[in-house]
Protein backbone atom coordinates (compact mmCIF):
# COMPACT_ATOMS: atom_id res chain seq x y z
CA MET A 1 -15.58 47.17 -52.37
CA PRO A 2 -14.40 49.39 -49.45
CA ARG A 3 -10.72 49.23 -48.64
CA MET A 4 -9.73 48.40 -45.04
CA ARG A 5 -7.30 50.61 -43.45
CA SER A 6 -4.23 49.19 -41.53
CA LEU A 7 -1.88 50.92 -39.21
CA PRO A 8 1.56 51.45 -40.56
CA VAL A 9 4.01 48.64 -39.77
CA HIS A 10 6.54 51.02 -38.02
CA ARG A 11 3.79 52.45 -35.67
CA VAL A 12 2.63 48.95 -34.58
CA SER A 13 6.30 47.79 -34.05
CA TRP A 14 7.04 50.88 -31.90
CA LYS A 15 4.01 50.29 -29.73
CA ALA A 16 4.81 46.54 -29.26
CA LEU A 17 8.40 47.30 -28.41
CA LEU A 18 7.25 49.96 -25.85
CA ALA A 19 4.87 47.52 -24.18
CA LEU A 20 7.54 44.79 -24.15
CA SER A 21 10.00 47.29 -22.57
CA LEU A 22 7.63 48.25 -19.93
CA CYS A 23 6.94 44.62 -18.97
CA ILE A 24 10.53 43.77 -18.69
CA SER A 25 11.35 46.86 -16.66
CA ALA A 26 8.41 46.11 -14.27
CA LEU A 27 9.35 42.39 -13.84
CA PRO A 28 11.98 42.77 -11.10
CA ALA A 29 9.46 44.71 -8.96
CA TRP A 30 7.21 41.81 -8.45
CA ALA A 31 8.86 38.64 -9.57
CA ASP A 32 11.45 37.44 -7.16
CA THR A 33 12.20 34.44 -9.41
CA ARG A 34 14.18 31.61 -7.81
CA ILE A 35 15.71 28.47 -8.94
CA GLY A 36 16.31 25.69 -6.50
CA VAL A 37 18.26 22.54 -6.48
CA GLY A 38 18.41 19.74 -4.07
CA LEU A 39 19.26 16.17 -2.98
CA ASP A 40 16.47 13.98 -1.54
CA LEU A 41 17.00 11.08 0.81
CA PHE A 42 13.90 8.99 0.78
CA THR A 43 12.31 5.65 1.74
CA GLU A 44 9.17 4.20 0.45
CA SER A 45 6.52 1.47 0.91
CA SER A 46 4.94 0.42 -2.32
CA ARG A 47 3.02 -2.22 -4.04
CA MET A 48 2.78 -3.48 -7.60
CA GLU A 49 -0.85 -4.52 -8.07
CA GLY A 50 -1.44 -6.69 -11.10
CA HIS A 51 -2.82 -9.72 -12.76
CA GLN A 52 -2.91 -11.63 -16.06
CA THR A 53 -6.06 -13.44 -17.27
CA ILE A 54 -6.43 -15.84 -20.22
CA ASN A 55 -10.10 -16.86 -20.66
CA THR A 56 -11.14 -17.72 -17.12
CA ALA A 57 -7.69 -18.50 -15.73
CA ARG A 58 -6.44 -15.59 -13.65
CA GLN A 59 -3.01 -15.34 -12.30
CA ASP A 60 -2.15 -12.90 -9.53
CA GLU A 61 1.15 -11.06 -10.16
CA SER A 62 1.06 -8.50 -7.32
CA PHE A 63 3.90 -8.02 -4.88
CA ASP A 64 4.94 -5.41 -2.18
CA TYR A 65 8.31 -3.68 -2.52
CA ARG A 66 10.61 -1.12 -1.35
CA SER A 67 12.65 1.01 -3.64
CA GLN A 68 16.34 -0.18 -4.13
CA SER A 69 17.26 3.56 -4.51
CA PHE A 70 17.36 6.04 -1.72
CA LEU A 71 18.64 9.17 -3.44
CA SER A 72 17.06 11.46 -6.01
CA ALA A 73 17.67 15.05 -7.38
CA THR A 74 15.24 18.00 -7.64
CA LEU A 75 15.06 21.14 -9.76
CA ASN A 76 12.48 23.85 -8.91
CA LEU A 77 11.55 27.24 -10.45
CA SER A 78 9.23 29.49 -8.33
CA ILE A 79 7.96 33.00 -8.28
CA PRO A 80 5.81 34.85 -5.70
CA ALA A 81 2.07 34.08 -5.89
CA PRO A 82 0.01 37.14 -6.96
CA ILE A 83 -2.34 36.77 -3.97
CA SER A 84 0.26 36.97 -1.09
CA GLU A 85 3.74 38.25 -0.41
CA LYS A 86 4.54 35.13 1.65
CA ALA A 87 3.18 32.59 -0.89
CA ARG A 88 5.21 31.23 -3.81
CA MET A 89 4.16 29.15 -6.81
CA GLY A 90 6.07 27.31 -9.60
CA ALA A 91 7.09 24.00 -11.20
CA GLY A 92 9.56 21.36 -10.56
CA LEU A 93 11.38 18.32 -11.84
CA ARG A 94 12.45 15.30 -9.83
CA PHE A 95 14.97 12.72 -11.15
CA LEU A 96 14.79 9.23 -9.55
CA GLY A 97 16.84 7.41 -12.07
CA ASN A 98 16.81 3.60 -12.31
CA TYR A 99 13.73 2.73 -10.38
CA GLY A 100 13.05 -0.85 -8.99
CA SER A 101 12.45 -2.91 -6.01
CA GLY A 102 15.27 -4.59 -3.98
CA GLY A 103 16.70 -5.18 -0.65
CA GLU A 104 16.51 -7.96 1.88
CA GLY A 105 13.13 -9.74 1.62
CA ASN A 106 11.99 -7.96 -1.51
CA ARG A 107 11.54 -9.25 -5.01
CA MET A 108 14.19 -7.83 -7.39
CA PHE A 109 12.32 -6.14 -10.22
CA GLY A 110 13.54 -3.14 -12.26
CA PHE A 111 10.83 -0.87 -13.62
CA GLY A 112 13.03 1.75 -15.61
CA LEU A 113 13.90 5.31 -15.43
CA LEU A 114 11.45 7.25 -13.31
CA ASN A 115 11.03 11.09 -13.33
CA GLU A 116 8.38 13.62 -11.92
CA LEU A 117 7.00 16.76 -13.29
CA TYR A 118 4.84 18.72 -10.79
CA LEU A 119 3.35 22.16 -9.86
CA LEU A 120 4.13 23.38 -6.45
CA GLY A 121 2.81 25.88 -4.00
CA GLU A 122 4.32 27.00 -0.56
CA TYR A 123 3.82 29.50 2.14
CA GLY A 124 6.64 30.97 4.23
CA LEU A 125 6.05 32.07 7.84
CA PRO A 126 8.90 34.19 9.39
CA VAL A 127 10.09 32.67 12.68
CA ALA A 128 13.54 34.44 13.23
CA ASP A 129 15.96 36.73 11.64
CA LYS A 130 16.46 35.67 7.97
CA THR A 131 14.66 32.38 8.74
CA GLU A 132 11.09 31.18 7.96
CA ALA A 133 9.09 27.95 8.27
CA VAL A 134 7.93 26.74 4.86
CA PHE A 135 4.76 24.68 4.18
CA GLY A 136 4.28 23.26 0.77
CA ALA A 137 2.13 21.08 -1.53
CA ARG A 138 2.68 19.62 -4.95
CA GLY A 139 0.77 17.67 -7.55
CA GLY A 140 1.75 16.43 -10.94
CA VAL A 141 2.63 13.49 -13.21
CA ALA A 142 5.17 10.69 -13.06
CA LEU A 143 6.83 9.43 -16.23
CA LEU A 144 8.35 6.02 -16.26
CA VAL A 145 10.69 5.01 -19.25
CA PRO A 146 10.55 1.08 -19.30
CA GLY A 147 13.64 -0.80 -18.51
CA LYS A 148 15.25 -3.99 -17.00
CA GLU A 149 12.65 -6.68 -16.01
CA PHE A 150 9.67 -4.41 -16.89
CA ASP A 151 11.05 -3.88 -20.43
CA ALA A 152 11.77 -7.66 -20.73
CA GLU A 153 8.09 -8.37 -19.74
CA ILE A 154 6.94 -6.06 -22.60
CA SER A 155 9.10 -7.80 -25.05
CA ARG A 156 7.76 -11.25 -24.04
CA LEU A 157 4.19 -10.13 -24.48
CA ARG A 158 4.87 -8.74 -27.92
CA GLU A 159 6.41 -12.03 -28.97
CA GLN A 160 3.06 -13.71 -27.96
CA GLY A 161 1.08 -11.23 -30.09
CA VAL A 162 0.04 -8.89 -27.34
CA SER A 163 -0.38 -5.19 -28.22
CA ALA A 164 2.13 -4.02 -25.54
CA TRP A 165 4.50 -1.14 -26.47
CA HIS A 166 7.96 0.18 -25.32
CA VAL A 167 6.64 3.66 -24.67
CA PRO A 168 6.78 5.84 -21.41
CA ARG A 169 4.17 4.99 -18.76
CA VAL A 170 2.45 7.87 -16.96
CA GLY A 171 0.91 8.30 -13.56
CA TRP A 172 0.00 10.84 -10.92
CA LEU A 173 1.60 12.12 -7.68
CA GLY A 174 0.60 14.35 -4.81
CA GLY A 175 2.33 15.36 -1.68
CA ILE A 176 2.92 17.81 1.09
CA SER A 177 6.03 19.06 2.97
CA VAL A 178 7.16 21.25 5.92
CA GLY A 179 10.62 22.67 6.46
CA ALA A 180 12.70 25.73 7.06
CA ARG A 181 14.54 28.28 4.76
CA ARG A 182 17.31 30.66 5.78
CA ARG A 183 18.72 33.62 3.60
CA LEU A 184 22.46 33.42 3.56
CA GLY A 185 22.98 36.52 1.22
CA GLU A 186 21.12 38.64 -1.27
CA HIS A 187 20.79 35.84 -3.87
CA VAL A 188 21.45 32.66 -1.96
CA LEU A 189 19.07 30.76 0.49
CA VAL A 190 19.32 27.22 1.98
CA ARG A 191 16.54 25.07 3.02
CA GLY A 192 15.61 21.73 4.48
CA ASP A 193 12.26 19.89 4.01
CA PHE A 194 10.52 16.80 5.25
CA SER A 195 8.03 15.44 2.79
CA GLY A 196 5.40 12.77 2.24
CA GLN A 197 4.01 11.77 -1.27
CA LEU A 198 1.58 9.28 -2.87
CA GLU A 199 2.32 8.09 -6.31
CA LYS A 200 0.68 5.73 -8.79
CA VAL A 201 2.02 4.74 -12.14
CA PHE A 202 -0.02 2.77 -14.74
CA LEU A 203 2.13 0.02 -16.37
CA PHE A 204 -0.32 -2.20 -18.31
CA ALA A 205 -4.10 -1.95 -19.19
CA THR A 206 -4.49 -4.39 -22.14
CA SER A 207 -7.58 -6.42 -22.98
CA GLN A 208 -7.72 -8.21 -26.38
CA ASP A 209 -8.42 -11.46 -28.36
CA ILE A 210 -5.41 -13.48 -29.24
CA LYS A 211 -6.10 -16.44 -31.59
CA GLY A 212 -9.58 -16.99 -29.97
CA LEU A 213 -8.29 -16.40 -26.41
CA GLU A 214 -9.58 -13.63 -24.15
CA PHE A 215 -6.31 -11.98 -22.78
CA GLU A 216 -6.27 -9.21 -20.14
CA LYS A 217 -3.23 -7.71 -18.22
CA ALA A 218 -3.43 -4.90 -15.76
CA TRP A 219 -0.39 -3.61 -13.81
CA SER A 220 0.11 -0.48 -11.71
CA THR A 221 2.26 0.66 -8.85
CA PHE A 222 1.19 2.70 -5.83
CA GLY A 223 3.27 3.73 -2.95
CA LEU A 224 3.87 6.19 -0.12
CA ARG A 225 7.25 7.97 -0.25
CA LEU A 226 8.81 9.72 2.72
CA GLY A 227 11.95 11.87 2.49
CA PHE A 228 14.09 14.76 3.56
CA THR A 229 15.32 17.26 1.01
CA LEU A 230 18.46 19.53 1.48
CA GLY A 231 18.52 22.36 -1.09
CA VAL A 232 19.86 25.66 -2.17
CA GLU A 233 17.77 28.44 -3.87
CA PHE A 234 19.25 31.07 -6.12
CA ALA A 235 17.37 34.35 -6.43
CA LEU A 236 17.60 35.85 -9.92
C-alpha cells in the first residue's frame, strides 16, 4: 500500500501563524468596529390574542394592553458593511426586563422577562461637520422567560394534566429607525434615534386529549412599539 506524504508539523504551523498575523494586521484597515450602548424610552399598543377550548366550549381570553414599562437598555456591535463605506451591519441585544401590562384602564398581567436578539443594518448620510443622518432596520427574535401571572397560568394547566412547560417562549421582531449621529472624538460618538417596531411572541400552542376531553389553548402577543433611543458608540 502506498504511503501518504504529509507536510511537516512545523511548516504547517508556520504558514497558519503567518496567515493569522496578516489577517490581524489587516483588520484595522477595514473594520471600524463599534460597540454601542443606549437607553430606550418607549410606548406600545399591544394585544394578547388567545382562547381556550374544551370540546366545543370555546372561551375567548384576549385583551388589549399597554406595557407597564417605559424604559429598556440596548447593546449593539457593528462593523462597516463590505458593500459601502457609509453602511454598517451588526447585531444587538435589547433588555426590556419584567414585561407586562398595566396602567389605568388596562388589565394587570405579567408575562415575564423579555429580551431581544437581532441583526441590524444602517446607512449614514453626512449632513454637517462630524454629523450624519442615520437610517436603520432590524430583524430578529424575542425571548420571553415566563414569570408572574403567565407562569402561574402554566402551573395551573400542568396541575390539570396539560402539557405546558416552564420554558422560554420565542417570537419575531422587525423594525425601522431614523436618527442622527455626531462624532465627539476619535473613539466616541453620540446618537439619537426614533424607531418603530412590530413584535410577536408565541405563548401557548397546545392541543391534546385529557381524560377524553379535547383541549386546546392558543396564546400570542402582538404589538407596535414606538420609542426614542439615546446612545453612545465607542470605536475600537
